[in-house]
Amino acid sequence: MEGKNCFGVGDREHMLVLTNICKVFNRDTINEKHMFSHLNLSIQRGEFVTIIGSNGAGKSTLLNIIAGALPADGGRIILDGRDVTTLPEHKRACFMGRVFQDPLLGTSPNMTIEENLSLAFNRAHNTSLGWGLNPKLRGLFCEALAALQLGLEGRLNTKVKFLSGGQRQALTLLMATLTKPKLLLLDEHSAALDPNTAVQINDLSERIIAEYGITTLMVTHNMENAIKMGNRLIMLQEGKIILDIRGLQKARLSVGRLLEMFREVQGSEFSYDEALLAP
């Protein structure tokens, strides 16, 4: 039927639809591990979803599959009505933004702030670096940097390697959202920062996401951040979605209640690990 695809009712409401995603590591070896087996997940337009789970639950693997950094062994990935399952990572980057845990990733340290921003801008518009460095775009970059309130708008010609970890992560976040991507992936993006800087980056993330209405998936090791941020929370356990909490239920959630829900679903205590205990 014209105007519809094989994914049925509600597709126009969803920015991201994962259908029957499968992933096996070290297949046919003694270390074979089935990470995902027919995983299904739909994310509505404008949703801000936080994802938690113990080490090895599949959090970063899920983001890698969505971003195209890791191929799925089965299933389909639909982004804004388009099947991107076989699309390579660099082509998905035209409409996805991503910020990693390590502030050293996501930027080119030997290039200036304006050159990094130009690369991010041109990646979404398929243009060259030279074309991107013009007075109009410099004005756009200065305006966007000023909104960060870090004084970087006066340092366009500073090489990124001279920035602090927090400044670099703020720049990476700006680069990931500069062209208002269809989907933003935050992979424990404040975990490597000191507590005060982490709060600043999380607050900045919420402000940018709310202002632009960007559909967002945020992996975090911090249960309090997962509860406080976003409007939907997903818990992964051994590659399965065991909790999916949204709306008023999420707004009223506490760490204690979340752990209680885990016990109710799994019949056991949550296995704390280093990642979840970190501040």
C-alpha atoms as a PDB file:
ATOM      1  CA  MET A   1       0.000   0.000   0.000  1.00  0.00           C
ATOM      2  CA  GLU A   2       1.344   3.441  -0.933  1.00  0.00           C
ATOM      3  CA  GLY A   3       2.646   5.466   2.003  1.00  0.00           C
ATOM      4  CA  LYS A   4       3.190   2.410   4.198  1.00  0.00           C
ATOM      5  CA  ASN A   5       5.962  -0.124   4.480  1.00  0.00           C
ATOM      6  CA  CYS A   6       6.249  -3.620   5.877  1.00  0.00           C
ATOM      7  CA  PHE A   7       6.712  -2.395   9.444  1.00  0.00           C
ATOM      8  CA  GLY A   8       3.030  -1.635   9.910  1.00  0.00           C
ATOM      9  CA  VAL A   9       1.051   0.866  11.912  1.00  0.00           C
ATOM     10  CA  GLY A  10       2.838   3.570  13.846  1.00  0.00           C
ATOM     11  CA  ASP A  11       5.984   3.879  11.718  1.00  0.00           C
ATOM     12  CA  ARG A  12       5.403   7.567  11.065  1.00  0.00           C
ATOM     13  CA  GLU A  13       5.471   8.117  14.809  1.00  0.00           C
ATOM     14  CA  HIS A  14       8.828   6.413  15.213  1.00  0.00           C
ATOM     15  CA  MET A  15      12.252   7.764  14.386  1.00  0.00           C
ATOM     16  CA  LEU A  16      13.982   4.422  14.953  1.00  0.00           C
ATOM     17  CA  VAL A  17      12.670   0.877  14.583  1.00  0.00           C
ATOM     18  CA  LEU A  18      14.834  -2.183  15.254  1.00  0.00           C
ATOM     19  CA  THR A  19      13.278  -5.453  14.139  1.00  0.00           C
ATOM     20  CA  ASN A  20      14.592  -8.931  15.024  1.00  0.00           C
ATOM     21  CA  ILE A  21      18.165  -7.746  15.581  1.00  0.00           C
ATOM     22  CA  CYS A  22      20.590 -10.642  16.103  1.00  0.00           C
ATOM     23  CA  LYS A  23      24.265 -10.535  16.996  1.00  0.00           C
ATOM     24  CA  VAL A  24      26.648 -13.381  17.789  1.00  0.00           C
ATOM     25  CA  PHE A  25      30.279 -12.889  18.781  1.00  0.00           C
ATOM     26  CA  ASN A  26      32.980 -15.521  18.131  1.00  0.00           C
ATOM     27  CA  ARG A  27      30.600 -17.771  16.256  1.00  0.00           C
ATOM     28  CA  ASP A  28      31.532 -21.464  16.097  1.00  0.00           C
ATOM     29  CA  THR A  29      34.203 -21.130  18.766  1.00  0.00           C
ATOM     30  CA  ILE A  30      34.359 -22.068  22.425  1.00  0.00           C
ATOM     31  CA  ASN A  31      33.825 -18.371  23.208  1.00  0.00           C
ATOM     32  CA  GLU A  32      30.629 -18.040  21.156  1.00  0.00           C
ATOM     33  CA  LYS A  33      28.294 -15.496  22.738  1.00  0.00           C
ATOM     34  CA  HIS A  34      24.772 -14.676  21.602  1.00  0.00           C
ATOM     35  CA  MET A  35      24.413 -11.003  22.450  1.00  0.00           C
ATOM     36  CA  PHE A  36      21.085 -10.248  20.763  1.00  0.00           C
ATOM     37  CA  SER A  37      18.468 -12.743  19.626  1.00  0.00           C
ATOM     38  CA  HIS A  38      15.563 -11.155  17.740  1.00  0.00           C
ATOM     39  CA  LEU A  39      15.717  -7.885  19.659  1.00  0.00           C
ATOM     40  CA  ASN A  40      12.888  -5.455  18.866  1.00  0.00           C
ATOM     41  CA  LEU A  41      12.851  -1.781  19.834  1.00  0.00           C
ATOM     42  CA  SER A  42      10.917   1.254  18.613  1.00  0.00           C
ATOM     43  CA  ILE A  43      11.830   4.826  19.531  1.00  0.00           C
ATOM     44  CA  GLN A  44       9.326   7.621  18.984  1.00  0.00           C
ATOM     45  CA  ARG A  45      10.295  10.924  17.425  1.00  0.00           C
ATOM     46  CA  GLY A  46      11.687  13.260  20.042  1.00  0.00           C
ATOM     47  CA  GLU A  47      12.091  10.600  22.721  1.00  0.00           C
ATOM     48  CA  PHE A  48      15.121  10.785  25.012  1.00  0.00           C
ATOM     49  CA  VAL A  49      15.850   7.213  26.062  1.00  0.00           C
ATOM     50  CA  THR A  50      18.410   6.277  28.698  1.00  0.00           C
ATOM     51  CA  ILE A  51      19.849   2.756  28.603  1.00  0.00           C
ATOM     52  CA  ILE A  52      21.367   1.018  31.618  1.00  0.00           C
ATOM     53  CA  GLY A  53      22.604  -2.464  32.418  1.00  0.00           C
ATOM     54  CA  SER A  54      25.545  -4.307  33.893  1.00  0.00           C
ATOM     55  CA  ASN A  55      28.817  -4.800  32.028  1.00  0.00           C
ATOM     56  CA  GLY A  56      28.303  -7.061  29.026  1.00  0.00           C
ATOM     57  CA  ALA A  57      24.555  -6.431  28.866  1.00  0.00           C
ATOM     58  CA  GLY A  58      24.858  -5.141  25.297  1.00  0.00           C
ATOM     59  CA  LYS A  59      24.521  -1.372  25.788  1.00  0.00           C
ATOM     60  CA  SER A  60      27.427  -0.168  23.648  1.00  0.00           C
ATOM     61  CA  THR A  61      26.971  -3.050  21.217  1.00  0.00           C
ATOM     62  CA  LEU A  62      23.443  -1.828  20.571  1.00  0.00           C
ATOM     63  CA  LEU A  63      24.680   1.691  19.810  1.00  0.00           C
ATOM     64  CA  ASN A  64      27.434   0.311  17.573  1.00  0.00           C
ATOM     65  CA  ILE A  65      24.891  -1.658  15.553  1.00  0.00           C
ATOM     66  CA  ILE A  66      22.606   1.361  15.200  1.00  0.00           C
ATOM     67  CA  ALA A  67      25.532   3.576  14.144  1.00  0.00           C
ATOM     68  CA  GLY A  68      26.811   1.000  11.642  1.00  0.00           C
ATOM     69  CA  ALA A  69      30.134   0.515  13.433  1.00  0.00           C
ATOM     70  CA  LEU A  70      29.197  -3.125  14.000  1.00  0.00           C
ATOM     71  CA  PRO A  71      27.080  -5.181  11.574  1.00  0.00           C
ATOM     72  CA  ALA A  72      24.048  -7.041  12.834  1.00  0.00           C
ATOM     73  CA  ASP A  73      23.861 -10.729  11.947  1.00  0.00           C
ATOM     74  CA  GLY A  74      20.146 -10.465  11.324  1.00  0.00           C
ATOM     75  CA  GLY A  75      17.217  -8.077  11.478  1.00  0.00           C
ATOM     76  CA  ARG A  76      16.487  -4.626  10.092  1.00  0.00           C
ATOM     77  CA  ILE A  77      17.175  -1.042  11.158  1.00  0.00           C
ATOM     78  CA  ILE A  78      14.733   1.632  10.034  1.00  0.00           C
ATOM     79  CA  LEU A  79      15.624   5.284  10.633  1.00  0.00           C
ATOM     80  CA  ASP A  80      12.987   7.893   9.842  1.00  0.00           C
ATOM     81  CA  GLY A  81      11.258   5.440   7.510  1.00  0.00           C
ATOM     82  CA  ARG A  82      14.460   4.510   5.673  1.00  0.00           C
ATOM     83  CA  ASP A  83      16.036   1.062   5.814  1.00  0.00           C
ATOM     84  CA  VAL A  84      19.676   1.685   6.814  1.00  0.00           C
ATOM     85  CA  THR A  85      20.514  -1.921   7.712  1.00  0.00           C
ATOM     86  CA  THR A  86      23.195  -2.261   5.043  1.00  0.00           C
ATOM     87  CA  LEU A  87      24.245   1.379   4.955  1.00  0.00           C
ATOM     88  CA  PRO A  88      27.915   1.836   5.990  1.00  0.00           C
ATOM     89  CA  GLU A  89      28.821   3.839   9.073  1.00  0.00           C
ATOM     90  CA  HIS A  90      30.146   6.898   7.210  1.00  0.00           C
ATOM     91  CA  LYS A  91      26.865   7.271   5.323  1.00  0.00           C
ATOM     92  CA  ARG A  92      24.773   6.895   8.483  1.00  0.00           C
ATOM     93  CA  ALA A  93      26.909   9.646  10.013  1.00  0.00           C
ATOM     94  CA  CYS A  94      25.178  12.110   7.679  1.00  0.00           C
ATOM     95  CA  PHE A  95      22.038  11.886   9.800  1.00  0.00           C
ATOM     96  CA  MET A  96      23.308  10.529  13.119  1.00  0.00           C
ATOM     97  CA  GLY A  97      25.378  12.243  15.788  1.00  0.00           C
ATOM     98  CA  ARG A  98      27.452  10.345  18.335  1.00  0.00           C
ATOM     99  CA  VAL A  99      29.476  11.255  21.408  1.00  0.00           C
ATOM    100  CA  PHE A 100      31.790   8.672  22.982  1.00  0.00           C
ATOM    101  CA  GLN A 101      33.009   8.208  26.546  1.00  0.00           C
ATOM    102  CA  ASP A 102      36.580   9.207  25.725  1.00  0.00           C
ATOM    103  CA  PRO A 103      36.908  12.981  25.136  1.00  0.00           C
ATOM    104  CA  LEU A 104      39.809  12.190  22.782  1.00  0.00           C
ATOM    105  CA  LEU A 105      37.394  10.544  20.351  1.00  0.00           C
ATOM    106  CA  GLY A 106      35.091  12.485  18.082  1.00  0.00           C
ATOM    107  CA  THR A 107      37.519  15.330  17.330  1.00  0.00           C
ATOM    108  CA  SER A 108      40.751  15.810  15.408  1.00  0.00           C
ATOM    109  CA  PRO A 109      43.232  17.097  18.034  1.00  0.00           C
ATOM    110  CA  ASN A 110      45.677  18.685  15.597  1.00  0.00           C
ATOM    111  CA  MET A 111      42.953  20.669  13.868  1.00  0.00           C
ATOM    112  CA  THR A 112      41.478  23.911  15.168  1.00  0.00           C
ATOM    113  CA  ILE A 113      38.047  24.310  16.732  1.00  0.00           C
ATOM    114  CA  GLU A 114      36.635  25.886  13.578  1.00  0.00           C
ATOM    115  CA  GLU A 115      38.140  23.163  11.374  1.00  0.00           C
ATOM    116  CA  ASN A 116      36.554  20.459  13.543  1.00  0.00           C
ATOM    117  CA  LEU A 117      33.192  22.226  13.407  1.00  0.00           C
ATOM    118  CA  SER A 118      33.533  22.597   9.652  1.00  0.00           C
ATOM    119  CA  LEU A 119      34.184  18.870   9.295  1.00  0.00           C
ATOM    120  CA  ALA A 120      31.051  18.119  11.321  1.00  0.00           C
ATOM    121  CA  PHE A 121      28.984  20.545   9.258  1.00  0.00           C
ATOM    122  CA  ASN A 122      30.276  19.303   5.923  1.00  0.00           C
ATOM    123  CA  ARG A 123      29.796  15.650   6.876  1.00  0.00           C
ATOM    124  CA  ALA A 124      26.059  16.274   6.924  1.00  0.00           C
ATOM    125  CA  HIS A 125      26.097  18.335   3.724  1.00  0.00           C
ATOM    126  CA  ASN A 126      28.606  16.326   1.664  1.00  0.00           C
ATOM    127  CA  THR A 127      30.800  19.349   0.989  1.00  0.00           C
ATOM    128  CA  SER A 128      34.524  19.983   1.229  1.00  0.00           C
ATOM    129  CA  LEU A 129      36.453  21.449   4.148  1.00  0.00           C
ATOM    130  CA  GLY A 130      37.656  24.387   2.085  1.00  0.00           C
ATOM    131  CA  TRP A 131      34.109  25.353   1.052  1.00  0.00           C
ATOM    132  CA  GLY A 132      32.989  25.186   4.664  1.00  0.00           C
ATOM    133  CA  LEU A 133      35.425  27.754   6.075  1.00  0.00           C
ATOM    134  CA  ASN A 134      33.706  30.995   5.140  1.00  0.00           C
ATOM    135  CA  PRO A 135      32.546  34.071   7.108  1.00  0.00           C
ATOM    136  CA  LYS A 136      28.917  32.951   7.209  1.00  0.00           C
ATOM    137  CA  LEU A 137      29.765  29.594   8.780  1.00  0.00           C
ATOM    138  CA  ARG A 138      32.289  31.167  11.127  1.00  0.00           C
ATOM    139  CA  GLY A 139      29.458  33.327  12.407  1.00  0.00           C
ATOM    140  CA  LEU A 140      27.300  30.228  12.859  1.00  0.00           C
ATOM    141  CA  PHE A 141      30.111  28.487  14.734  1.00  0.00           C
ATOM    142  CA  CYS A 142      30.693  31.477  17.023  1.00  0.00           C
ATOM    143  CA  GLU A 143      27.005  31.654  17.859  1.00  0.00           C
ATOM    144  CA  ALA A 144      26.816  27.929  18.615  1.00  0.00           C
ATOM    145  CA  LEU A 145      30.005  28.028  20.711  1.00  0.00           C
ATOM    146  CA  ALA A 146      28.783  31.039  22.678  1.00  0.00           C
ATOM    147  CA  ALA A 147      25.732  29.020  23.728  1.00  0.00           C
ATOM    148  CA  LEU A 148      28.075  26.567  25.469  1.00  0.00           C
ATOM    149  CA  GLN A 149      29.125  29.377  27.823  1.00  0.00           C
ATOM    150  CA  LEU A 150      32.731  28.142  27.910  1.00  0.00           C
ATOM    151  CA  GLY A 151      34.400  31.054  26.127  1.00  0.00           C
ATOM    152  CA  LEU A 152      35.286  28.907  23.104  1.00  0.00           C
ATOM    153  CA  GLU A 153      33.705  31.354  20.643  1.00  0.00           C
ATOM    154  CA  GLY A 154      36.852  33.461  20.978  1.00  0.00           C
ATOM    155  CA  ARG A 155      39.180  30.547  20.336  1.00  0.00           C
ATOM    156  CA  LEU A 156      38.198  29.378  16.854  1.00  0.00           C
ATOM    157  CA  ASN A 157      41.832  29.001  15.813  1.00  0.00           C
ATOM    158  CA  THR A 158      42.880  27.053  18.919  1.00  0.00           C
ATOM    159  CA  LYS A 159      43.875  23.447  18.265  1.00  0.00           C
ATOM    160  CA  VAL A 160      41.552  21.011  20.006  1.00  0.00           C
ATOM    161  CA  LYS A 161      44.457  19.225  21.710  1.00  0.00           C
ATOM    162  CA  PHE A 162      44.888  22.269  23.944  1.00  0.00           C
ATOM    163  CA  LEU A 163      41.336  22.058  25.338  1.00  0.00           C
ATOM    164  CA  SER A 164      40.452  20.441  28.646  1.00  0.00           C
ATOM    165  CA  GLY A 165      38.534  17.163  28.691  1.00  0.00           C
ATOM    166  CA  GLY A 166      35.291  18.940  29.509  1.00  0.00           C
ATOM    167  CA  GLN A 167      35.789  21.571  26.805  1.00  0.00           C
ATOM    168  CA  ARG A 168      36.564  18.898  24.248  1.00  0.00           C
ATOM    169  CA  GLN A 169      33.516  16.858  25.221  1.00  0.00           C
ATOM    170  CA  ALA A 170      31.331  19.968  24.988  1.00  0.00           C
ATOM    171  CA  LEU A 171      32.779  20.635  21.530  1.00  0.00           C
ATOM    172  CA  THR A 172      32.143  17.026  20.508  1.00  0.00           C
ATOM    173  CA  LEU A 173      28.544  17.332  21.683  1.00  0.00           C
ATOM    174  CA  LEU A 174      28.157  20.510  19.659  1.00  0.00           C
ATOM    175  CA  MET A 175      29.679  18.828  16.596  1.00  0.00           C
ATOM    176  CA  ALA A 176      27.268  15.914  16.974  1.00  0.00           C
ATOM    177  CA  THR A 177      24.221  18.197  17.137  1.00  0.00           C
ATOM    178  CA  LEU A 178      25.282  21.133  14.955  1.00  0.00           C
ATOM    179  CA  THR A 179      23.173  20.022  11.991  1.00  0.00           C
ATOM    180  CA  LYS A 180      20.264  18.746  14.129  1.00  0.00           C
ATOM    181  CA  PRO A 181      20.645  15.017  13.339  1.00  0.00           C
ATOM    182  CA  LYS A 182      17.720  12.663  13.196  1.00  0.00           C
ATOM    183  CA  LEU A 183      19.266  10.581  15.971  1.00  0.00           C
ATOM    184  CA  LEU A 184      21.813  11.330  18.703  1.00  0.00           C
ATOM    185  CA  LEU A 185      23.782   8.514  20.343  1.00  0.00           C
ATOM    186  CA  LEU A 186      25.467   9.268  23.677  1.00  0.00           C
ATOM    187  CA  ASP A 187      27.744   6.429  24.766  1.00  0.00           C
ATOM    188  CA  GLU A 188      28.562   7.067  28.462  1.00  0.00           C
ATOM    189  CA  HIS A 189      29.641  10.509  27.288  1.00  0.00           C
ATOM    190  CA  SER A 190      30.179  11.972  30.766  1.00  0.00           C
ATOM    191  CA  ALA A 191      31.684   8.887  32.458  1.00  0.00           C
ATOM    192  CA  ALA A 192      35.342   9.842  31.938  1.00  0.00           C
ATOM    193  CA  LEU A 193      34.947  13.355  33.326  1.00  0.00           C
ATOM    194  CA  ASP A 194      35.329  14.589  36.871  1.00  0.00           C
ATOM    195  CA  PRO A 195      31.993  14.831  38.765  1.00  0.00           C
ATOM    196  CA  ASN A 196      31.532  18.601  38.390  1.00  0.00           C
ATOM    197  CA  THR A 197      32.378  18.582  34.689  1.00  0.00           C
ATOM    198  CA  ALA A 198      30.123  15.548  34.169  1.00  0.00           C
ATOM    199  CA  VAL A 199      27.196  17.482  35.637  1.00  0.00           C
ATOM    200  CA  GLN A 200      27.927  20.388  33.287  1.00  0.00           C
ATOM    201  CA  ILE A 201      28.069  18.121  30.229  1.00  0.00           C
ATOM    202  CA  ASN A 202      24.850  16.329  31.216  1.00  0.00           C
ATOM    203  CA  ASP A 203      23.072  19.648  31.770  1.00  0.00           C
ATOM    204  CA  LEU A 204      24.350  20.902  28.408  1.00  0.00           C
ATOM    205  CA  SER A 205      23.180  17.687  26.741  1.00  0.00           C
ATOM    206  CA  GLU A 206      19.664  18.062  28.149  1.00  0.00           C
ATOM    207  CA  ARG A 207      19.497  21.700  27.055  1.00  0.00           C
ATOM    208  CA  ILE A 208      20.594  20.989  23.464  1.00  0.00           C
ATOM    209  CA  ILE A 209      18.357  17.928  23.117  1.00  0.00           C
ATOM    210  CA  ALA A 210      15.329  19.827  24.430  1.00  0.00           C
ATOM    211  CA  GLU A 211      16.012  22.895  22.285  1.00  0.00           C
ATOM    212  CA  TYR A 212      16.352  20.929  19.048  1.00  0.00           C
ATOM    213  CA  GLY A 213      13.919  18.117  19.915  1.00  0.00           C
ATOM    214  CA  ILE A 214      16.503  15.502  18.923  1.00  0.00           C
ATOM    215  CA  THR A 215      15.607  11.836  19.289  1.00  0.00           C
ATOM    216  CA  THR A 216      18.283  10.498  21.636  1.00  0.00           C
ATOM    217  CA  LEU A 217      19.638   7.226  23.000  1.00  0.00           C
ATOM    218  CA  MET A 218      21.980   7.614  25.967  1.00  0.00           C
ATOM    219  CA  VAL A 219      23.927   4.704  27.431  1.00  0.00           C
ATOM    220  CA  THR A 220      24.977   5.383  31.007  1.00  0.00           C
ATOM    221  CA  HIS A 221      26.550   3.515  33.904  1.00  0.00           C
ATOM    222  CA  ASN A 222      24.950   5.880  36.399  1.00  0.00           C
ATOM    223  CA  MET A 223      21.506   4.828  37.608  1.00  0.00           C
ATOM    224  CA  GLU A 224      20.678   8.260  39.024  1.00  0.00           C
ATOM    225  CA  ASN A 225      21.458   9.916  35.687  1.00  0.00           C
ATOM    226  CA  ALA A 226      19.398   7.307  33.869  1.00  0.00           C
ATOM    227  CA  ILE A 227      16.431   8.123  36.107  1.00  0.00           C
ATOM    228  CA  LYS A 228      16.878  11.908  36.083  1.00  0.00           C
ATOM    229  CA  MET A 229      17.551  12.374  32.379  1.00  0.00           C
ATOM    230  CA  GLY A 230      15.230  11.637  29.479  1.00  0.00           C
ATOM    231  CA  ASN A 231      11.603  10.530  29.357  1.00  0.00           C
ATOM    232  CA  ARG A 232      12.114   6.784  28.922  1.00  0.00           C
ATOM    233  CA  LEU A 233      14.422   4.248  30.582  1.00  0.00           C
ATOM    234  CA  ILE A 234      15.425   0.850  29.247  1.00  0.00           C
ATOM    235  CA  MET A 235      17.358  -1.779  31.199  1.00  0.00           C
ATOM    236  CA  LEU A 236      19.294  -4.414  29.280  1.00  0.00           C
ATOM    237  CA  GLN A 237      20.302  -7.744  30.778  1.00  0.00           C
ATOM    238  CA  GLU A 238      22.215 -10.317  28.733  1.00  0.00           C
ATOM    239  CA  GLY A 239      21.085  -8.744  25.483  1.00  0.00           C
ATOM    240  CA  LYS A 240      17.402  -8.561  26.419  1.00  0.00           C
ATOM    241  CA  ILE A 241      15.221  -5.602  27.316  1.00  0.00           C
ATOM    242  CA  ILE A 242      13.925  -6.535  30.756  1.00  0.00           C
ATOM    243  CA  LEU A 243      12.537  -3.148  31.798  1.00  0.00           C
ATOM    244  CA  ASP A 244      11.018  -0.361  29.698  1.00  0.00           C
ATOM    245  CA  ILE A 245       9.832   2.537  31.843  1.00  0.00           C
ATOM    246  CA  ARG A 246       8.348   5.806  30.646  1.00  0.00           C
ATOM    247  CA  GLY A 247       5.913   8.588  31.457  1.00  0.00           C
ATOM    248  CA  LEU A 248       4.704   9.079  35.020  1.00  0.00           C
ATOM    249  CA  GLN A 249       6.202   5.760  36.057  1.00  0.00           C
ATOM    250  CA  LYS A 250       9.661   7.046  35.146  1.00  0.00           C
ATOM    251  CA  ALA A 251       9.023  10.470  36.665  1.00  0.00           C
ATOM    252  CA  ARG A 252       8.273   8.799  40.013  1.00  0.00           C
ATOM    253  CA  LEU A 253      11.149   6.334  39.773  1.00  0.00           C
ATOM    254  CA  SER A 254      13.939   6.049  42.339  1.00  0.00           C
ATOM    255  CA  VAL A 255      17.062   3.896  42.418  1.00  0.00           C
ATOM    256  CA  GLY A 256      15.483   1.763  45.139  1.00  0.00           C
ATOM    257  CA  ARG A 257      12.309   1.229  43.132  1.00  0.00           C
ATOM    258  CA  LEU A 258      14.316   0.441  39.994  1.00  0.00           C
ATOM    259  CA  LEU A 259      16.264  -2.264  41.833  1.00  0.00           C
ATOM    260  CA  GLU A 260      13.002  -3.604  43.234  1.00  0.00           C
ATOM    261  CA  MET A 261      11.549  -3.825  39.730  1.00  0.00           C
ATOM    262  CA  PHE A 262      14.657  -5.686  38.604  1.00  0.00           C
ATOM    263  CA  ARG A 263      14.153  -8.237  41.388  1.00  0.00           C
ATOM    264  CA  GLU A 264      10.505  -8.661  40.419  1.00  0.00           C
ATOM    265  CA  VAL A 265      11.388  -9.324  36.783  1.00  0.00           C
ATOM    266  CA  GLN A 266      14.540 -11.407  37.231  1.00  0.00           C
ATOM    267  CA  GLY A 267      13.849 -13.067  40.567  1.00  0.00           C
ATOM    268  CA  SER A 268      17.322 -12.133  41.785  1.00  0.00           C
ATOM    269  CA  GLU A 269      19.355  -9.191  43.047  1.00  0.00           C
ATOM    270  CA  PHE A 270      20.950  -6.828  40.571  1.00  0.00           C
ATOM    271  CA  SER A 271      24.608  -7.691  40.055  1.00  0.00           C
ATOM    272  CA  TYR A 272      26.494  -4.484  40.798  1.00  0.00           C
ATOM    273  CA  ASP A 273      29.693  -4.052  38.868  1.00  0.00           C
ATOM    274  CA  GLU A 274      32.362  -1.410  38.646  1.00  0.00           C
ATOM    275  CA  ALA A 275      30.630   0.495  35.873  1.00  0.00           C
ATOM    276  CA  LEU A 276      27.397   0.950  37.775  1.00  0.00           C
ATOM    277  CA  LEU A 277      29.124   1.821  41.048  1.00  0.00           C
ATOM    278  CA  ALA A 278      31.250   4.554  39.484  1.00  0.00           C
ATOM    279  CA  PRO A 279      30.175   8.153  40.278  1.00  0.00           C
END
